[in-house]
Amino acid sequence: MKTLQREKLKVVAAADPLEQGRYVLDEQAGFLMRIAMQRHTSIFTSRMIEGLTQTQFAALAKLYEVGPCSQNYLGRLIYLDAATIKGVVDRLHLRGFVTALNDPKDRRRRAVALTDRGRQVTEAAMLVAAEITVATLTPLIADEQRSIAKLLRKLG
């Protein structure tokens, strides 16, 4: 069976590519980031435990980091809109990973918190996530790994 191999793509900085009468998709930063994200997603999906999605893992990891918080605040912390975080929290609740508590800071609100099972799963998932990060960045040398993280933070 013949397999197709994609050449390494490169970004060519031009003041205005349209002035030169050309736009090459394979040279665009957004397209290259999408390709890298597809690779990372494939690695994540194949390795993550409990069938957690990237957004579910992000919610669990952030709850582990900050403790109980409102659903809305959790969504803001992981850059999800209100409708999306509601669905994520609902699915995690159905799986027994999170629960809703009275918010100690505001009795009118409820706080999302990890259950004991959720804490166990999150701790195990964070170990796997660290391995996923290593696998995602394997093509890069250490200096490049630090650089890409720094540049992505700057873009975000």
N, C-alpha and C. Protein backbone atom coordinates (compact mmCIF):
# COMPACT_ATOMS: atom_id res chain seq x y z
N MET A 1 0.84 -1.18 0.00
CA MET A 1 0.00 0.00 0.00
C MET A 1 0.89 1.25 0.00
N LYS A 2 0.59 2.17 -0.85
CA LYS A 2 1.37 3.39 -0.96
C LYS A 2 0.89 4.39 0.09
N THR A 3 1.80 4.96 0.86
CA THR A 3 1.43 5.98 1.84
C THR A 3 1.91 7.33 1.35
N LEU A 4 1.09 8.30 1.61
CA LEU A 4 1.45 9.66 1.23
C LEU A 4 2.21 10.29 2.37
N GLN A 5 3.27 10.98 2.05
CA GLN A 5 4.01 11.72 3.07
C GLN A 5 3.92 13.19 2.75
N ARG A 6 3.64 13.94 3.77
CA ARG A 6 3.52 15.38 3.62
C ARG A 6 4.88 16.01 3.90
N GLU A 7 5.30 16.90 3.04
CA GLU A 7 6.55 17.61 3.27
C GLU A 7 6.38 18.53 4.47
N LYS A 8 7.48 18.82 5.13
CA LYS A 8 7.45 19.78 6.23
C LYS A 8 6.99 21.12 5.67
N LEU A 9 6.04 21.73 6.36
CA LEU A 9 5.53 23.02 5.92
C LEU A 9 6.35 24.13 6.56
N LYS A 10 6.46 25.23 5.87
CA LYS A 10 7.21 26.35 6.41
C LYS A 10 6.39 27.62 6.28
N VAL A 11 6.59 28.51 7.22
CA VAL A 11 5.91 29.79 7.18
C VAL A 11 6.86 30.78 6.54
N VAL A 12 6.37 31.44 5.53
CA VAL A 12 7.16 32.46 4.85
C VAL A 12 6.55 33.80 5.18
N ALA A 13 7.29 34.62 5.87
CA ALA A 13 6.78 35.93 6.25
C ALA A 13 6.90 36.88 5.06
N ALA A 14 5.79 37.45 4.69
CA ALA A 14 5.77 38.44 3.62
C ALA A 14 4.95 39.61 4.11
N ALA A 15 5.34 40.81 3.73
CA ALA A 15 4.62 41.99 4.17
C ALA A 15 3.14 41.87 3.79
N ASP A 16 2.88 41.51 2.57
CA ASP A 16 1.51 41.33 2.11
C ASP A 16 1.53 40.36 0.94
N PRO A 17 1.22 39.07 1.21
CA PRO A 17 1.30 38.07 0.14
C PRO A 17 0.36 38.38 -1.01
N LEU A 18 -0.75 39.07 -0.74
CA LEU A 18 -1.67 39.39 -1.82
C LEU A 18 -1.08 40.41 -2.79
N GLU A 19 -0.18 41.26 -2.28
CA GLU A 19 0.52 42.21 -3.16
C GLU A 19 1.35 41.45 -4.18
N GLN A 20 1.88 40.31 -3.75
CA GLN A 20 2.70 39.50 -4.63
C GLN A 20 1.82 38.60 -5.51
N GLY A 21 0.51 38.71 -5.34
CA GLY A 21 -0.42 37.95 -6.18
C GLY A 21 -0.53 36.49 -5.80
N ARG A 22 -0.18 36.15 -4.56
CA ARG A 22 -0.29 34.75 -4.19
C ARG A 22 -0.67 34.60 -2.72
N TYR A 23 -1.41 33.57 -2.46
CA TYR A 23 -1.76 33.17 -1.10
C TYR A 23 -1.61 31.66 -1.07
N VAL A 24 -0.66 31.17 -0.30
CA VAL A 24 -0.40 29.74 -0.23
C VAL A 24 -0.85 29.26 1.14
N LEU A 25 -1.91 28.48 1.14
CA LEU A 25 -2.48 28.01 2.40
C LEU A 25 -1.46 27.31 3.28
N ASP A 26 -0.64 26.45 2.68
CA ASP A 26 0.34 25.68 3.44
C ASP A 26 1.39 26.54 4.13
N GLU A 27 1.41 27.83 3.85
CA GLU A 27 2.37 28.73 4.47
C GLU A 27 1.74 29.60 5.56
N GLN A 28 0.45 29.41 5.82
CA GLN A 28 -0.27 30.27 6.76
C GLN A 28 -0.21 29.73 8.19
N ALA A 29 0.08 30.62 9.13
CA ALA A 29 0.24 30.23 10.54
C ALA A 29 -1.00 29.52 11.08
N GLY A 30 -2.18 30.02 10.79
CA GLY A 30 -3.41 29.40 11.29
C GLY A 30 -3.58 27.98 10.77
N PHE A 31 -3.28 27.77 9.53
CA PHE A 31 -3.37 26.44 8.94
C PHE A 31 -2.36 25.50 9.59
N LEU A 32 -1.15 25.98 9.79
CA LEU A 32 -0.10 25.17 10.42
C LEU A 32 -0.47 24.83 11.87
N MET A 33 -1.07 25.79 12.58
CA MET A 33 -1.50 25.51 13.95
C MET A 33 -2.62 24.47 13.97
N ARG A 34 -3.51 24.52 12.99
CA ARG A 34 -4.59 23.53 12.91
C ARG A 34 -4.02 22.14 12.68
N ILE A 35 -3.03 22.03 11.82
CA ILE A 35 -2.40 20.73 11.56
C ILE A 35 -1.73 20.21 12.84
N ALA A 36 -1.02 21.08 13.54
CA ALA A 36 -0.37 20.68 14.80
C ALA A 36 -1.43 20.27 15.82
N MET A 37 -2.53 20.98 15.86
CA MET A 37 -3.61 20.65 16.81
C MET A 37 -4.25 19.31 16.46
N GLN A 38 -4.40 19.03 15.18
CA GLN A 38 -4.94 17.72 14.77
C GLN A 38 -4.02 16.60 15.24
N ARG A 39 -2.73 16.80 15.13
CA ARG A 39 -1.76 15.80 15.59
C ARG A 39 -1.88 15.61 17.09
N HIS A 40 -1.91 16.72 17.83
CA HIS A 40 -2.03 16.65 19.28
C HIS A 40 -3.35 15.97 19.69
N THR A 41 -4.44 16.31 19.03
CA THR A 41 -5.73 15.71 19.34
C THR A 41 -5.71 14.21 19.12
N SER A 42 -5.07 13.78 18.06
CA SER A 42 -4.96 12.35 17.79
C SER A 42 -4.19 11.64 18.90
N ILE A 43 -3.09 12.24 19.34
CA ILE A 43 -2.30 11.67 20.43
C ILE A 43 -3.13 11.66 21.71
N PHE A 44 -3.80 12.77 22.00
CA PHE A 44 -4.61 12.89 23.22
C PHE A 44 -5.71 11.83 23.24
N THR A 45 -6.45 11.73 22.16
CA THR A 45 -7.58 10.80 22.09
C THR A 45 -7.13 9.35 22.23
N SER A 46 -5.99 9.02 21.66
CA SER A 46 -5.53 7.63 21.71
C SER A 46 -4.97 7.24 23.07
N ARG A 47 -4.57 8.22 23.88
CA ARG A 47 -3.90 7.90 25.14
C ARG A 47 -4.67 8.25 26.40
N MET A 48 -5.57 9.21 26.33
CA MET A 48 -6.23 9.68 27.55
C MET A 48 -7.13 8.60 28.14
N ILE A 49 -7.13 8.52 29.46
CA ILE A 49 -7.92 7.51 30.17
C ILE A 49 -9.38 7.93 30.30
N GLU A 50 -10.20 6.95 30.62
CA GLU A 50 -11.62 7.18 30.91
C GLU A 50 -12.39 7.82 29.76
N GLY A 51 -11.81 7.84 28.57
CA GLY A 51 -12.49 8.44 27.44
C GLY A 51 -12.72 9.94 27.59
N LEU A 52 -11.91 10.58 28.42
CA LEU A 52 -12.06 12.02 28.63
C LEU A 52 -11.74 12.79 27.36
N THR A 53 -12.55 13.78 27.07
CA THR A 53 -12.25 14.69 25.97
C THR A 53 -11.27 15.75 26.47
N GLN A 54 -10.72 16.53 25.56
CA GLN A 54 -9.80 17.59 25.95
C GLN A 54 -10.48 18.60 26.86
N THR A 55 -11.73 18.97 26.56
CA THR A 55 -12.42 19.96 27.39
C THR A 55 -12.80 19.37 28.74
N GLN A 56 -13.20 18.11 28.78
CA GLN A 56 -13.50 17.47 30.06
C GLN A 56 -12.25 17.40 30.92
N PHE A 57 -11.14 17.00 30.33
CA PHE A 57 -9.89 16.96 31.08
C PHE A 57 -9.52 18.35 31.58
N ALA A 58 -9.64 19.37 30.75
CA ALA A 58 -9.31 20.73 31.16
C ALA A 58 -10.15 21.16 32.36
N ALA A 59 -11.44 20.83 32.33
CA ALA A 59 -12.32 21.18 33.45
C ALA A 59 -11.89 20.47 34.73
N LEU A 60 -11.60 19.19 34.63
CA LEU A 60 -11.16 18.43 35.81
C LEU A 60 -9.83 18.96 36.34
N ALA A 61 -8.88 19.18 35.45
CA ALA A 61 -7.56 19.65 35.87
C ALA A 61 -7.64 21.02 36.52
N LYS A 62 -8.48 21.89 35.98
CA LYS A 62 -8.61 23.23 36.56
C LYS A 62 -9.31 23.17 37.91
N LEU A 63 -10.34 22.32 38.05
CA LEU A 63 -10.98 22.15 39.35
C LEU A 63 -9.99 21.60 40.38
N TYR A 64 -9.15 20.70 39.95
CA TYR A 64 -8.12 20.14 40.83
C TYR A 64 -7.18 21.25 41.30
N GLU A 65 -6.86 22.15 40.39
CA GLU A 65 -5.94 23.25 40.68
C GLU A 65 -6.55 24.32 41.58
N VAL A 66 -7.80 24.73 41.29
CA VAL A 66 -8.38 25.88 42.01
C VAL A 66 -9.39 25.50 43.08
N GLY A 67 -9.86 24.27 43.07
CA GLY A 67 -10.89 23.86 44.02
C GLY A 67 -12.27 24.25 43.54
N PRO A 68 -13.28 24.02 44.38
CA PRO A 68 -14.66 24.31 43.98
C PRO A 68 -14.84 25.75 43.50
N CYS A 69 -15.61 25.91 42.43
CA CYS A 69 -15.88 27.25 41.91
C CYS A 69 -17.18 27.19 41.11
N SER A 70 -17.71 28.35 40.80
CA SER A 70 -18.95 28.38 40.01
C SER A 70 -18.68 27.83 38.61
N GLN A 71 -19.72 27.30 38.03
CA GLN A 71 -19.63 26.75 36.67
C GLN A 71 -19.19 27.84 35.70
N ASN A 72 -19.74 29.02 35.85
CA ASN A 72 -19.41 30.13 34.96
C ASN A 72 -17.93 30.49 35.08
N TYR A 73 -17.43 30.57 36.31
CA TYR A 73 -16.02 30.90 36.52
C TYR A 73 -15.12 29.81 35.95
N LEU A 74 -15.49 28.55 36.16
CA LEU A 74 -14.73 27.44 35.60
C LEU A 74 -14.64 27.59 34.08
N GLY A 75 -15.75 27.90 33.45
CA GLY A 75 -15.76 28.11 32.00
C GLY A 75 -14.80 29.21 31.58
N ARG A 76 -14.82 30.30 32.31
CA ARG A 76 -13.91 31.40 31.98
C ARG A 76 -12.45 30.98 32.15
N LEU A 77 -12.17 30.19 33.18
CA LEU A 77 -10.80 29.76 33.43
C LEU A 77 -10.23 28.89 32.31
N ILE A 78 -11.12 28.13 31.65
CA ILE A 78 -10.64 27.25 30.58
C ILE A 78 -11.13 27.71 29.20
N TYR A 79 -11.57 28.96 29.12
CA TYR A 79 -11.91 29.60 27.86
C TYR A 79 -13.06 28.92 27.12
N LEU A 80 -14.12 28.60 27.87
CA LEU A 80 -15.33 28.04 27.27
C LEU A 80 -16.50 28.96 27.55
N ASP A 81 -17.43 29.06 26.60
CA ASP A 81 -18.61 29.87 26.82
C ASP A 81 -19.57 29.14 27.77
N ALA A 82 -20.58 29.87 28.25
CA ALA A 82 -21.50 29.34 29.27
C ALA A 82 -22.21 28.07 28.81
N ALA A 83 -22.66 28.02 27.57
CA ALA A 83 -23.38 26.84 27.09
C ALA A 83 -22.46 25.62 27.02
N THR A 84 -21.25 25.82 26.57
CA THR A 84 -20.31 24.71 26.44
C THR A 84 -19.90 24.16 27.79
N ILE A 85 -19.58 25.04 28.75
CA ILE A 85 -19.15 24.55 30.05
C ILE A 85 -20.29 23.84 30.76
N LYS A 86 -21.52 24.28 30.52
CA LYS A 86 -22.66 23.59 31.13
C LYS A 86 -22.73 22.15 30.66
N GLY A 87 -22.58 21.93 29.36
CA GLY A 87 -22.60 20.58 28.82
C GLY A 87 -21.46 19.73 29.34
N VAL A 88 -20.27 20.32 29.44
CA VAL A 88 -19.11 19.60 29.97
C VAL A 88 -19.36 19.19 31.41
N VAL A 89 -19.81 20.12 32.23
CA VAL A 89 -20.06 19.83 33.65
C VAL A 89 -21.18 18.80 33.79
N ASP A 90 -22.23 18.92 32.99
CA ASP A 90 -23.33 17.94 33.05
C ASP A 90 -22.82 16.53 32.76
N ARG A 91 -21.97 16.38 31.74
CA ARG A 91 -21.45 15.06 31.39
C ARG A 91 -20.50 14.53 32.47
N LEU A 92 -19.70 15.40 33.05
CA LEU A 92 -18.81 14.98 34.13
C LEU A 92 -19.62 14.58 35.37
N HIS A 93 -20.72 15.29 35.61
CA HIS A 93 -21.59 14.97 36.73
C HIS A 93 -22.25 13.59 36.53
N LEU A 94 -22.72 13.33 35.32
CA LEU A 94 -23.34 12.03 35.02
C LEU A 94 -22.35 10.88 35.23
N ARG A 95 -21.09 11.14 35.03
CA ARG A 95 -20.06 10.11 35.19
C ARG A 95 -19.56 10.02 36.64
N GLY A 96 -20.07 10.90 37.50
CA GLY A 96 -19.70 10.87 38.91
C GLY A 96 -18.37 11.52 39.22
N PHE A 97 -17.86 12.37 38.33
CA PHE A 97 -16.57 13.01 38.53
C PHE A 97 -16.67 14.36 39.24
N VAL A 98 -17.82 15.02 39.10
CA VAL A 98 -18.04 16.30 39.77
C VAL A 98 -19.41 16.30 40.44
N THR A 99 -19.55 17.21 41.37
CA THR A 99 -20.83 17.40 42.05
C THR A 99 -21.05 18.90 42.23
N ALA A 100 -22.26 19.27 42.59
CA ALA A 100 -22.57 20.68 42.86
C ALA A 100 -22.73 20.85 44.36
N LEU A 101 -22.04 21.84 44.91
CA LEU A 101 -22.11 22.15 46.34
C LEU A 101 -22.66 23.56 46.51
N ASN A 102 -23.14 23.85 47.70
CA ASN A 102 -23.48 25.24 47.99
C ASN A 102 -22.19 26.04 47.96
N ASP A 103 -22.23 27.18 47.27
CA ASP A 103 -21.05 28.03 47.17
C ASP A 103 -20.81 28.69 48.53
N PRO A 104 -19.65 28.42 49.14
CA PRO A 104 -19.41 28.98 50.46
C PRO A 104 -19.31 30.52 50.46
N LYS A 105 -19.04 31.10 49.29
CA LYS A 105 -18.91 32.56 49.19
C LYS A 105 -20.23 33.25 48.88
N ASP A 106 -21.19 32.49 48.35
CA ASP A 106 -22.49 33.08 47.95
C ASP A 106 -23.55 31.99 48.02
N ARG A 107 -24.40 32.02 49.02
CA ARG A 107 -25.37 30.94 49.22
C ARG A 107 -26.41 30.85 48.08
N ARG A 108 -26.49 31.88 47.26
CA ARG A 108 -27.44 31.83 46.14
C ARG A 108 -26.91 31.00 44.98
N ARG A 109 -25.61 30.73 45.01
CA ARG A 109 -24.99 30.02 43.89
C ARG A 109 -24.52 28.63 44.31
N ARG A 110 -24.28 27.83 43.30
CA ARG A 110 -23.75 26.49 43.51
C ARG A 110 -22.32 26.45 42.98
N ALA A 111 -21.48 25.67 43.63
CA ALA A 111 -20.10 25.52 43.18
C ALA A 111 -19.90 24.11 42.64
N VAL A 112 -19.14 24.00 41.56
CA VAL A 112 -18.78 22.70 41.00
C VAL A 112 -17.54 22.24 41.74
N ALA A 113 -17.53 20.96 42.14
CA ALA A 113 -16.40 20.40 42.87
C ALA A 113 -16.12 18.99 42.40
N LEU A 114 -14.88 18.56 42.52
CA LEU A 114 -14.52 17.18 42.22
C LEU A 114 -15.08 16.25 43.29
N THR A 115 -15.57 15.11 42.88
CA THR A 115 -15.92 14.05 43.83
C THR A 115 -14.62 13.30 44.15
N ASP A 116 -14.68 12.39 45.11
CA ASP A 116 -13.50 11.57 45.40
C ASP A 116 -13.07 10.81 44.16
N ARG A 117 -14.04 10.24 43.45
CA ARG A 117 -13.74 9.52 42.21
C ARG A 117 -13.15 10.48 41.17
N GLY A 118 -13.71 11.67 41.07
CA GLY A 118 -13.20 12.68 40.14
C GLY A 118 -11.77 13.07 40.45
N ARG A 119 -11.44 13.17 41.73
CA ARG A 119 -10.07 13.50 42.14
C ARG A 119 -9.12 12.38 41.74
N GLN A 120 -9.52 11.14 41.95
CA GLN A 120 -8.68 9.99 41.58
C GLN A 120 -8.45 9.95 40.08
N VAL A 121 -9.52 10.12 39.31
CA VAL A 121 -9.41 10.10 37.85
C VAL A 121 -8.54 11.25 37.37
N THR A 122 -8.74 12.43 37.96
CA THR A 122 -7.96 13.60 37.54
C THR A 122 -6.47 13.40 37.81
N GLU A 123 -6.13 12.87 38.98
CA GLU A 123 -4.73 12.63 39.29
C GLU A 123 -4.10 11.66 38.29
N ALA A 124 -4.82 10.59 37.96
CA ALA A 124 -4.30 9.63 36.97
C ALA A 124 -4.24 10.27 35.58
N ALA A 125 -5.26 11.05 35.23
CA ALA A 125 -5.30 11.69 33.91
C ALA A 125 -4.19 12.72 33.74
N MET A 126 -3.83 13.41 34.81
CA MET A 126 -2.75 14.41 34.71
C MET A 126 -1.42 13.73 34.42
N LEU A 127 -1.20 12.55 34.95
CA LEU A 127 0.02 11.81 34.61
C LEU A 127 0.05 11.45 33.14
N VAL A 128 -1.10 11.01 32.62
CA VAL A 128 -1.19 10.67 31.20
C VAL A 128 -1.04 11.94 30.35
N ALA A 129 -1.64 13.04 30.79
CA ALA A 129 -1.55 14.29 30.04
C ALA A 129 -0.10 14.76 29.91
N ALA A 130 0.70 14.54 30.95
CA ALA A 130 2.12 14.91 30.87
C ALA A 130 2.81 14.07 29.79
N GLU A 131 2.46 12.80 29.71
CA GLU A 131 3.02 11.93 28.66
C GLU A 131 2.55 12.38 27.27
N ILE A 132 1.31 12.82 27.19
CA ILE A 132 0.76 13.32 25.92
C ILE A 132 1.52 14.55 25.47
N THR A 133 1.82 15.44 26.40
CA THR A 133 2.59 16.64 26.06
C THR A 133 3.97 16.25 25.52
N VAL A 134 4.62 15.31 26.19
CA VAL A 134 5.94 14.85 25.73
C VAL A 134 5.82 14.29 24.31
N ALA A 135 4.81 13.46 24.07
CA ALA A 135 4.64 12.87 22.74
C ALA A 135 4.34 13.94 21.69
N THR A 136 3.54 14.92 22.04
CA THR A 136 3.20 15.99 21.10
C THR A 136 4.44 16.78 20.71
N LEU A 137 5.31 17.02 21.68
CA LEU A 137 6.48 17.87 21.43
C LEU A 137 7.73 17.11 21.03
N THR A 138 7.65 15.79 20.93
CA THR A 138 8.82 14.96 20.62
C THR A 138 9.59 15.41 19.37
N PRO A 139 8.93 15.87 18.31
CA PRO A 139 9.72 16.27 17.14
C PRO A 139 10.62 17.50 17.38
N LEU A 140 10.41 18.18 18.50
CA LEU A 140 11.16 19.41 18.78
C LEU A 140 12.27 19.15 19.80
N ILE A 141 13.37 19.87 19.66
CA ILE A 141 14.41 19.81 20.68
C ILE A 141 13.96 20.66 21.87
N ALA A 142 14.65 20.52 23.00
CA ALA A 142 14.23 21.19 24.25
C ALA A 142 14.05 22.69 24.07
N ASP A 143 15.00 23.35 23.41
CA ASP A 143 14.88 24.81 23.21
C ASP A 143 13.64 25.16 22.39
N GLU A 144 13.35 24.36 21.38
CA GLU A 144 12.17 24.60 20.55
C GLU A 144 10.89 24.37 21.36
N GLN A 145 10.90 23.38 22.23
CA GLN A 145 9.74 23.11 23.08
C GLN A 145 9.45 24.30 23.99
N ARG A 146 10.49 24.86 24.58
CA ARG A 146 10.29 26.05 25.43
C ARG A 146 9.82 27.24 24.58
N SER A 147 10.39 27.38 23.40
CA SER A 147 10.02 28.50 22.52
C SER A 147 8.58 28.42 22.07
N ILE A 148 8.14 27.22 21.67
CA ILE A 148 6.77 27.12 21.17
C ILE A 148 5.76 27.41 22.29
N ALA A 149 6.05 26.94 23.49
CA ALA A 149 5.14 27.22 24.61
C ALA A 149 5.08 28.72 24.87
N LYS A 150 6.23 29.36 24.84
CA LYS A 150 6.29 30.82 25.06
C LYS A 150 5.53 31.57 23.96
N LEU A 151 5.73 31.18 22.72
CA LEU A 151 5.06 31.85 21.60
C LEU A 151 3.56 31.61 21.62
N LEU A 152 3.12 30.41 21.96
CA LEU A 152 1.68 30.13 22.02
C LEU A 152 1.02 30.94 23.14
N ARG A 153 1.70 31.09 24.28
CA ARG A 153 1.16 31.93 25.35
C ARG A 153 1.02 33.36 24.86
N LYS A 154 2.00 33.81 24.09
CA LYS A 154 1.96 35.19 23.57
C LYS A 154 0.80 35.37 22.60
N LEU A 155 0.53 34.36 21.78
CA LEU A 155 -0.59 34.45 20.84
C LEU A 155 -1.94 34.36 21.53
N GLY A 156 -1.99 33.63 22.64
CA GLY A 156 -3.25 33.42 23.37
C GLY A 156 -3.62 34.63 24.13
